[in-house]
Amino acid sequence: MVTAEMKTFVTYVSMAEVSVKAPLTVQVRDMACGAAVSRLPVSLSKKDDTNQWETIEEGITTSDGVVSMMQTKSLKQDSLYKLRAQTSSYFGNMGSKSSFPFIEVVFEIDNDRPNIFILLNISPFGYNVTVEI
């Protein structure tokens, strides 16, 4: 049986609609209520030559749940990157506990794409990631 809650349609900003020319754009949505996640701390790290993760940028999502990263740098081909979203404070402020205090998404740049869009849908007990490379 399909309920009204199950028919909730969550929209997101596609890369074509993003006016910022940042190499990396991230949007975070709350799957439980279908709303954008604002004021969520997000960081981007790059794996260096010694196999360690180096944080290269940090940001906070806007009221639309969007954060544009790498404003002054470019993503390098054949490199590993890690996006980290600190979800514990968001769910704590919403009055719920989460199984995921943070979510990390590791991705590789293997071509010369000028822009990457990551959609991160979160809930207290799960998450879904879509990467448009």
Protein backbone atom coordinates (compact mmCIF):
# COMPACT_ATOMS: atom_id res chain seq x y z
CA MET A 1 0.00 0.00 0.00
CA VAL A 2 1.39 3.40 -0.99
CA THR A 3 0.75 6.16 1.55
CA ALA A 4 0.85 9.93 1.01
CA GLU A 5 4.18 10.02 2.86
CA MET A 6 5.66 7.52 0.42
CA LYS A 7 4.67 9.74 -2.52
CA THR A 8 6.84 12.61 -1.29
CA PHE A 9 8.92 13.90 -4.17
CA VAL A 10 12.26 15.41 -3.28
CA THR A 11 13.64 17.87 -5.79
CA TYR A 12 17.27 18.81 -6.07
CA VAL A 13 19.32 21.32 -7.94
CA SER A 14 20.85 19.71 -11.01
CA MET A 15 24.26 20.75 -12.23
CA ALA A 16 22.62 22.61 -15.12
CA GLU A 17 20.74 24.82 -12.64
CA VAL A 18 23.73 25.71 -10.46
CA SER A 19 24.81 29.24 -11.25
CA VAL A 20 28.10 28.95 -9.40
CA LYS A 21 31.01 27.86 -11.57
CA ALA A 22 32.69 25.94 -8.75
CA PRO A 23 34.41 22.68 -9.72
CA LEU A 24 32.53 20.87 -6.93
CA THR A 25 28.96 21.53 -5.81
CA VAL A 26 27.30 19.52 -3.06
CA GLN A 27 23.64 19.50 -2.11
CA VAL A 28 22.37 17.81 1.07
CA ARG A 29 18.70 16.86 1.53
CA ASP A 30 16.89 15.32 4.50
CA MET A 31 15.02 12.27 3.18
CA ALA A 32 12.75 12.09 6.23
CA CYS A 33 11.17 15.51 5.69
CA GLY A 34 12.14 16.27 2.08
CA ALA A 35 13.87 19.52 2.97
CA ALA A 36 17.26 21.02 2.30
CA VAL A 37 19.81 20.61 5.09
CA SER A 38 21.18 24.03 6.00
CA ARG A 39 24.19 24.94 8.14
CA LEU A 40 25.75 21.48 7.76
CA PRO A 41 29.57 21.43 8.05
CA VAL A 42 31.17 19.80 5.00
CA SER A 43 34.85 19.27 4.28
CA LEU A 44 36.80 18.11 1.26
CA SER A 45 40.06 16.16 1.53
CA LYS A 46 42.52 14.90 -1.06
CA LYS A 47 44.71 11.83 -0.74
CA ASP A 48 48.33 12.94 -0.90
CA ASP A 49 51.47 11.16 -2.10
CA THR A 50 52.02 9.58 1.34
CA ASN A 51 48.52 8.00 1.29
CA GLN A 52 47.22 10.45 3.92
CA TRP A 53 44.06 12.55 3.68
CA GLU A 54 44.73 16.30 3.63
CA THR A 55 41.78 18.64 4.22
CA ILE A 56 41.82 21.17 1.40
CA GLU A 57 38.54 23.01 1.99
CA GLU A 58 35.70 23.36 4.47
CA GLY A 59 32.26 24.86 4.02
CA ILE A 60 28.73 25.12 5.39
CA THR A 61 25.56 24.37 3.42
CA THR A 62 23.25 27.29 2.59
CA SER A 63 19.50 27.44 3.25
CA ASP A 64 19.12 25.51 -0.05
CA GLY A 65 21.40 22.78 1.29
CA VAL A 66 24.12 23.68 -1.22
CA VAL A 67 27.81 24.28 -0.70
CA SER A 68 30.18 25.16 -3.54
CA MET A 69 33.76 24.09 -3.02
CA MET A 70 37.12 24.51 -4.69
CA GLN A 71 36.49 28.15 -5.59
CA THR A 72 40.16 28.92 -6.15
CA LYS A 73 41.52 25.47 -6.98
CA SER A 74 40.73 22.77 -9.47
CA LEU A 75 40.12 19.08 -9.02
CA LYS A 76 43.03 17.07 -10.33
CA GLN A 77 42.65 14.16 -12.69
CA ASP A 78 43.64 10.71 -11.34
CA SER A 79 43.19 11.86 -7.74
CA LEU A 80 41.13 10.53 -4.84
CA TYR A 81 38.91 12.95 -2.89
CA LYS A 82 36.84 12.52 0.24
CA LEU A 83 33.78 14.56 1.09
CA ARG A 84 32.83 14.50 4.79
CA ALA A 85 29.46 15.72 6.07
CA GLN A 86 29.16 16.18 9.87
CA THR A 87 25.59 14.96 10.36
CA SER A 88 25.57 14.53 14.16
CA SER A 89 24.93 18.20 14.94
CA TYR A 90 22.14 18.42 12.35
CA PHE A 91 20.24 15.41 13.69
CA GLY A 92 20.90 16.50 17.29
CA ASN A 93 19.32 19.87 16.52
CA MET A 94 16.36 18.04 14.95
CA GLY A 95 15.87 16.07 18.18
CA SER A 96 16.86 12.70 16.78
CA LYS A 97 19.81 10.38 17.05
CA SER A 98 21.61 9.13 13.98
CA SER A 99 23.45 5.93 13.26
CA PHE A 100 25.89 8.05 11.26
CA PRO A 101 27.64 10.88 13.17
CA PHE A 102 29.31 11.74 9.88
CA ILE A 103 29.16 10.51 6.30
CA GLU A 104 32.19 10.19 4.06
CA VAL A 105 32.02 9.86 0.30
CA VAL A 106 35.22 8.92 -1.51
CA PHE A 107 35.38 9.57 -5.23
CA GLU A 108 37.98 9.57 -7.98
CA ILE A 109 38.49 12.08 -10.74
CA ASP A 110 39.50 10.11 -13.82
CA ASN A 111 38.68 12.54 -16.61
CA ASP A 112 38.77 16.23 -17.44
CA ARG A 113 35.27 17.16 -16.24
CA PRO A 114 35.15 20.82 -15.22
CA ASN A 115 32.29 20.39 -12.73
CA ILE A 116 31.11 17.68 -10.34
CA PHE A 117 27.76 17.63 -8.53
CA ILE A 118 27.18 15.45 -5.46
CA LEU A 119 23.67 14.95 -4.08
CA LEU A 120 23.68 13.57 -0.55
CA ASN A 121 20.29 12.45 0.80
CA ILE A 122 20.41 11.76 4.53
CA SER A 123 18.16 10.39 7.25
CA PRO A 124 18.91 9.30 10.81
CA PHE A 125 19.35 5.68 9.74
CA GLY A 126 20.59 5.79 6.16
CA TYR A 127 21.88 7.85 3.31
CA ASN A 128 22.04 7.86 -0.46
CA VAL A 129 24.68 9.46 -2.67
CA THR A 130 24.47 10.43 -6.32
CA VAL A 131 27.54 11.77 -8.04
CA GLU A 132 27.32 13.49 -11.41
CA ILE A 133 30.84 13.41 -12.84
